[in-house]
């Protein structure tokens, strides 16, 4: 009896997960598009990632992922942590 209940629950869960995302997918796509348009040109993100040559470098990109730039691009060094200082002028 216990194995039948587990099988029924598994079948129900699979059916549930197949239906719910399909109906909510268009709403999520609309929200994602609106968010992308809103943040597209607002500031920059700095992050560490592996470059094409396999070493760690520091990159900049817009919040939507566009305009990605490798700002260190050095094969001889591994830059994995970014640090920025704020320039204050009087």
N, C-alpha and C. Protein backbone atom coordinates (compact mmCIF):
# COMPACT_ATOMS: atom_id res chain seq x y z
N UNK A 1 0.82 -1.20 0.00
CA UNK A 1 0.00 0.00 0.00
C UNK A 1 0.87 1.26 0.00
N UNK A 2 1.94 1.25 0.77
CA UNK A 2 2.79 2.44 0.85
C UNK A 2 3.42 2.76 -0.50
N UNK A 3 3.85 1.76 -1.25
CA UNK A 3 4.46 2.03 -2.56
C UNK A 3 3.44 2.61 -3.54
N UNK A 4 2.19 2.23 -3.45
CA UNK A 4 1.16 2.79 -4.32
C UNK A 4 0.93 4.27 -4.01
N UNK A 5 0.96 4.63 -2.74
CA UNK A 5 0.76 6.03 -2.36
C UNK A 5 1.92 6.88 -2.87
N UNK A 6 3.15 6.40 -2.72
CA UNK A 6 4.30 7.14 -3.20
C UNK A 6 4.26 7.31 -4.71
N UNK A 7 3.86 6.26 -5.41
CA UNK A 7 3.76 6.34 -6.86
C UNK A 7 2.70 7.36 -7.28
N UNK A 8 1.57 7.37 -6.59
CA UNK A 8 0.52 8.32 -6.90
C UNK A 8 0.97 9.75 -6.63
N UNK A 9 1.68 9.96 -5.52
CA UNK A 9 2.17 11.29 -5.21
C UNK A 9 3.20 11.75 -6.23
N UNK A 10 4.09 10.86 -6.63
CA UNK A 10 5.10 11.22 -7.63
C UNK A 10 4.43 11.59 -8.95
N UNK A 11 3.44 10.84 -9.35
CA UNK A 11 2.73 11.13 -10.59
C UNK A 11 2.02 12.48 -10.50
N UNK A 12 1.41 12.77 -9.38
CA UNK A 12 0.71 14.05 -9.19
C UNK A 12 1.70 15.21 -9.22
N UNK A 13 2.83 15.04 -8.56
CA UNK A 13 3.82 16.12 -8.51
C UNK A 13 4.37 16.42 -9.90
N UNK A 14 4.63 15.40 -10.69
CA UNK A 14 5.15 15.61 -12.04
C UNK A 14 4.11 16.34 -12.89
N UNK A 15 2.88 15.91 -12.78
CA UNK A 15 1.81 16.55 -13.54
C UNK A 15 1.67 18.01 -13.12
N UNK A 16 1.74 18.28 -11.83
CA UNK A 16 1.62 19.64 -11.32
C UNK A 16 2.73 20.54 -11.85
N UNK A 17 3.97 20.06 -11.81
CA UNK A 17 5.09 20.87 -12.25
C UNK A 17 5.11 21.08 -13.77
N UNK A 18 4.53 20.18 -14.51
CA UNK A 18 4.47 20.36 -15.95
C UNK A 18 3.43 21.42 -16.34
N UNK A 19 2.39 21.53 -15.57
CA UNK A 19 1.32 22.47 -15.90
C UNK A 19 1.61 23.89 -15.40
N UNK A 20 2.07 24.03 -14.17
CA UNK A 20 2.23 25.36 -13.58
C UNK A 20 3.23 26.24 -14.32
N UNK A 21 4.45 25.79 -14.61
CA UNK A 21 5.36 26.69 -15.30
C UNK A 21 4.88 27.10 -16.69
N UNK A 22 4.17 26.23 -17.38
CA UNK A 22 3.71 26.57 -18.72
C UNK A 22 2.72 27.73 -18.68
N UNK A 23 1.87 27.78 -17.68
CA UNK A 23 0.89 28.87 -17.61
C UNK A 23 1.50 30.16 -17.10
N UNK A 24 2.55 30.08 -16.30
CA UNK A 24 3.17 31.28 -15.73
C UNK A 24 4.34 31.79 -16.57
N UNK A 25 4.72 31.05 -17.59
CA UNK A 25 5.91 31.39 -18.36
C UNK A 25 5.78 32.73 -19.08
N UNK A 26 4.64 33.02 -19.66
CA UNK A 26 4.49 34.29 -20.39
C UNK A 26 4.54 35.48 -19.45
N UNK A 27 3.97 35.36 -18.24
CA UNK A 27 4.04 36.45 -17.26
C UNK A 27 5.48 36.70 -16.84
N UNK A 28 6.24 35.63 -16.62
CA UNK A 28 7.64 35.77 -16.23
C UNK A 28 8.46 36.39 -17.35
N UNK A 29 8.17 36.02 -18.58
CA UNK A 29 8.89 36.59 -19.73
C UNK A 29 8.61 38.08 -19.84
N UNK A 30 7.36 38.49 -19.64
CA UNK A 30 7.02 39.91 -19.69
C UNK A 30 7.73 40.69 -18.60
N UNK A 31 7.75 40.14 -17.38
CA UNK A 31 8.42 40.80 -16.26
C UNK A 31 9.93 40.88 -16.51
N UNK A 32 10.51 39.83 -17.05
CA UNK A 32 11.94 39.82 -17.34
C UNK A 32 12.29 40.87 -18.39
N UNK A 33 11.47 40.99 -19.40
CA UNK A 33 11.71 41.98 -20.45
C UNK A 33 11.62 43.40 -19.90
N UNK A 34 10.62 43.66 -19.06
CA UNK A 34 10.48 44.98 -18.45
C UNK A 34 11.68 45.31 -17.57
N UNK A 35 12.13 44.34 -16.77
CA UNK A 35 13.28 44.56 -15.91
C UNK A 35 14.54 44.80 -16.72
N UNK A 36 14.72 44.03 -17.78
CA UNK A 36 15.89 44.21 -18.64
C UNK A 36 15.93 45.62 -19.24
N UNK A 37 14.80 46.08 -19.74
CA UNK A 37 14.73 47.43 -20.31
C UNK A 37 15.00 48.50 -19.26
N UNK A 38 14.54 48.26 -18.04
CA UNK A 38 14.71 49.26 -16.97
C UNK A 38 16.16 49.40 -16.53
N UNK A 39 16.89 48.29 -16.43
CA UNK A 39 18.26 48.34 -15.89
C UNK A 39 19.34 48.34 -16.95
N UNK A 40 18.97 48.30 -18.21
CA UNK A 40 19.93 48.12 -19.29
C UNK A 40 21.09 49.10 -19.24
N UNK A 41 20.85 50.36 -19.02
CA UNK A 41 21.91 51.36 -19.04
C UNK A 41 22.16 52.00 -17.68
N UNK A 42 21.86 51.28 -16.62
CA UNK A 42 22.05 51.83 -15.27
C UNK A 42 23.26 51.20 -14.61
N UNK A 43 24.37 51.87 -14.70
CA UNK A 43 25.56 51.44 -13.98
C UNK A 43 26.24 50.23 -14.60
N UNK A 44 27.20 49.72 -13.84
CA UNK A 44 28.00 48.59 -14.28
C UNK A 44 28.12 47.58 -13.15
N UNK A 45 28.29 46.33 -13.49
CA UNK A 45 28.59 45.27 -12.53
C UNK A 45 30.02 44.83 -12.75
N UNK A 46 30.76 44.65 -11.67
CA UNK A 46 32.12 44.12 -11.74
C UNK A 46 32.08 42.72 -11.15
N UNK A 47 32.70 41.77 -11.83
CA UNK A 47 32.69 40.39 -11.35
C UNK A 47 33.91 39.66 -11.87
N UNK A 48 34.24 38.57 -11.20
CA UNK A 48 35.36 37.72 -11.61
C UNK A 48 34.82 36.52 -12.37
N UNK A 49 35.54 36.15 -13.41
CA UNK A 49 35.15 34.99 -14.21
C UNK A 49 36.36 34.49 -14.98
N UNK A 50 36.27 33.28 -15.45
CA UNK A 50 37.35 32.76 -16.29
C UNK A 50 37.23 33.35 -17.69
N UNK A 51 38.36 33.74 -18.23
CA UNK A 51 38.37 34.31 -19.58
C UNK A 51 38.58 33.21 -20.61
N UNK A 52 38.66 33.59 -21.87
CA UNK A 52 38.83 32.62 -22.95
C UNK A 52 40.13 31.83 -22.82
N UNK A 53 41.16 32.43 -22.22
CA UNK A 53 42.44 31.72 -22.08
C UNK A 53 42.49 30.85 -20.82
N UNK A 54 41.40 30.81 -20.05
CA UNK A 54 41.31 29.93 -18.90
C UNK A 54 41.74 30.53 -17.58
N UNK A 55 42.26 31.75 -17.59
CA UNK A 55 42.67 32.39 -16.34
C UNK A 55 41.53 33.25 -15.79
N UNK A 56 41.62 33.53 -14.50
CA UNK A 56 40.62 34.39 -13.87
C UNK A 56 40.93 35.85 -14.19
N UNK A 57 39.92 36.57 -14.61
CA UNK A 57 40.03 37.99 -14.90
C UNK A 57 38.83 38.72 -14.30
N UNK A 58 38.91 40.03 -14.30
CA UNK A 58 37.81 40.85 -13.81
C UNK A 58 37.10 41.47 -15.01
N UNK A 59 35.79 41.38 -14.99
CA UNK A 59 34.95 41.84 -16.09
C UNK A 59 33.99 42.92 -15.60
N UNK A 60 33.55 43.73 -16.52
CA UNK A 60 32.46 44.68 -16.31
C UNK A 60 31.35 44.34 -17.29
N UNK A 61 30.12 44.55 -16.88
CA UNK A 61 28.99 44.44 -17.81
C UNK A 61 27.85 45.29 -17.28
N UNK A 62 26.93 45.59 -18.15
CA UNK A 62 25.71 46.27 -17.74
C UNK A 62 24.88 45.29 -16.92
N UNK A 63 23.95 45.78 -16.10
CA UNK A 63 23.13 44.88 -15.29
C UNK A 63 22.35 43.85 -16.09
N UNK A 64 22.07 44.12 -17.36
CA UNK A 64 21.35 43.15 -18.17
C UNK A 64 22.28 42.15 -18.85
N UNK A 65 23.60 42.25 -18.59
CA UNK A 65 24.56 41.32 -19.17
C UNK A 65 25.19 41.79 -20.47
N UNK A 66 24.74 42.91 -20.99
CA UNK A 66 25.30 43.41 -22.25
C UNK A 66 26.59 44.18 -22.00
N UNK A 67 27.30 44.49 -23.05
CA UNK A 67 28.53 45.28 -23.03
C UNK A 67 29.60 44.69 -22.10
N UNK A 68 29.75 43.39 -22.14
CA UNK A 68 30.74 42.71 -21.31
C UNK A 68 32.15 43.11 -21.74
N UNK A 69 32.98 43.49 -20.75
CA UNK A 69 34.35 43.92 -21.03
C UNK A 69 35.29 43.24 -20.05
N UNK A 70 36.36 42.65 -20.57
CA UNK A 70 37.41 42.10 -19.72
C UNK A 70 38.37 43.25 -19.42
N UNK A 71 38.41 43.70 -18.16
CA UNK A 71 39.21 44.89 -17.85
C UNK A 71 40.62 44.56 -17.37
N UNK A 72 40.92 43.29 -17.09
CA UNK A 72 42.29 42.95 -16.70
C UNK A 72 43.00 42.19 -17.82
N UNK A 73 42.39 41.18 -18.36
CA UNK A 73 42.88 40.45 -19.53
C UNK A 73 44.37 40.15 -19.48
N UNK A 74 44.80 39.50 -18.43
CA UNK A 74 46.22 39.17 -18.30
C UNK A 74 46.38 37.66 -18.16
N UNK A 75 47.18 37.08 -19.04
CA UNK A 75 47.41 35.64 -19.00
C UNK A 75 48.39 35.25 -17.91
N UNK A 76 49.20 36.20 -17.44
CA UNK A 76 50.23 35.90 -16.45
C UNK A 76 49.73 35.95 -15.01
N UNK A 77 48.58 36.56 -14.76
CA UNK A 77 48.07 36.73 -13.40
C UNK A 77 46.64 36.23 -13.31
N UNK A 78 46.26 35.82 -12.10
CA UNK A 78 44.89 35.38 -11.82
C UNK A 78 44.22 36.44 -10.95
N UNK A 79 43.33 37.21 -11.53
CA UNK A 79 42.59 38.22 -10.77
C UNK A 79 41.21 37.66 -10.45
N UNK A 80 41.00 37.35 -9.18
CA UNK A 80 39.73 36.75 -8.81
C UNK A 80 38.92 37.62 -7.87
N UNK A 81 39.49 38.70 -7.37
CA UNK A 81 38.75 39.56 -6.44
C UNK A 81 38.84 41.00 -6.93
N UNK A 82 37.73 41.66 -6.90
CA UNK A 82 37.73 43.04 -7.34
C UNK A 82 37.60 43.96 -6.13
N UNK A 83 38.22 45.10 -6.20
CA UNK A 83 38.13 46.11 -5.14
C UNK A 83 38.19 47.48 -5.80
N UNK A 84 37.28 48.33 -5.43
CA UNK A 84 37.23 49.67 -6.00
C UNK A 84 37.22 50.68 -4.87
N UNK A 85 37.93 51.76 -5.07
CA UNK A 85 37.95 52.85 -4.11
C UNK A 85 37.14 54.00 -4.67
N UNK A 86 36.43 54.66 -3.82
CA UNK A 86 35.66 55.83 -4.25
C UNK A 86 36.55 57.06 -4.18
N UNK A 87 36.65 57.76 -5.27
CA UNK A 87 37.45 58.97 -5.33
C UNK A 87 36.62 60.13 -4.81
N UNK A 88 37.12 60.76 -3.76
CA UNK A 88 36.41 61.89 -3.17
C UNK A 88 37.23 63.14 -3.41
N UNK A 89 36.62 64.13 -4.01
CA UNK A 89 37.30 65.41 -4.25
C UNK A 89 36.59 66.51 -3.49
N UNK A 90 37.34 67.49 -3.06
CA UNK A 90 36.75 68.62 -2.32
C UNK A 90 36.42 69.76 -3.23
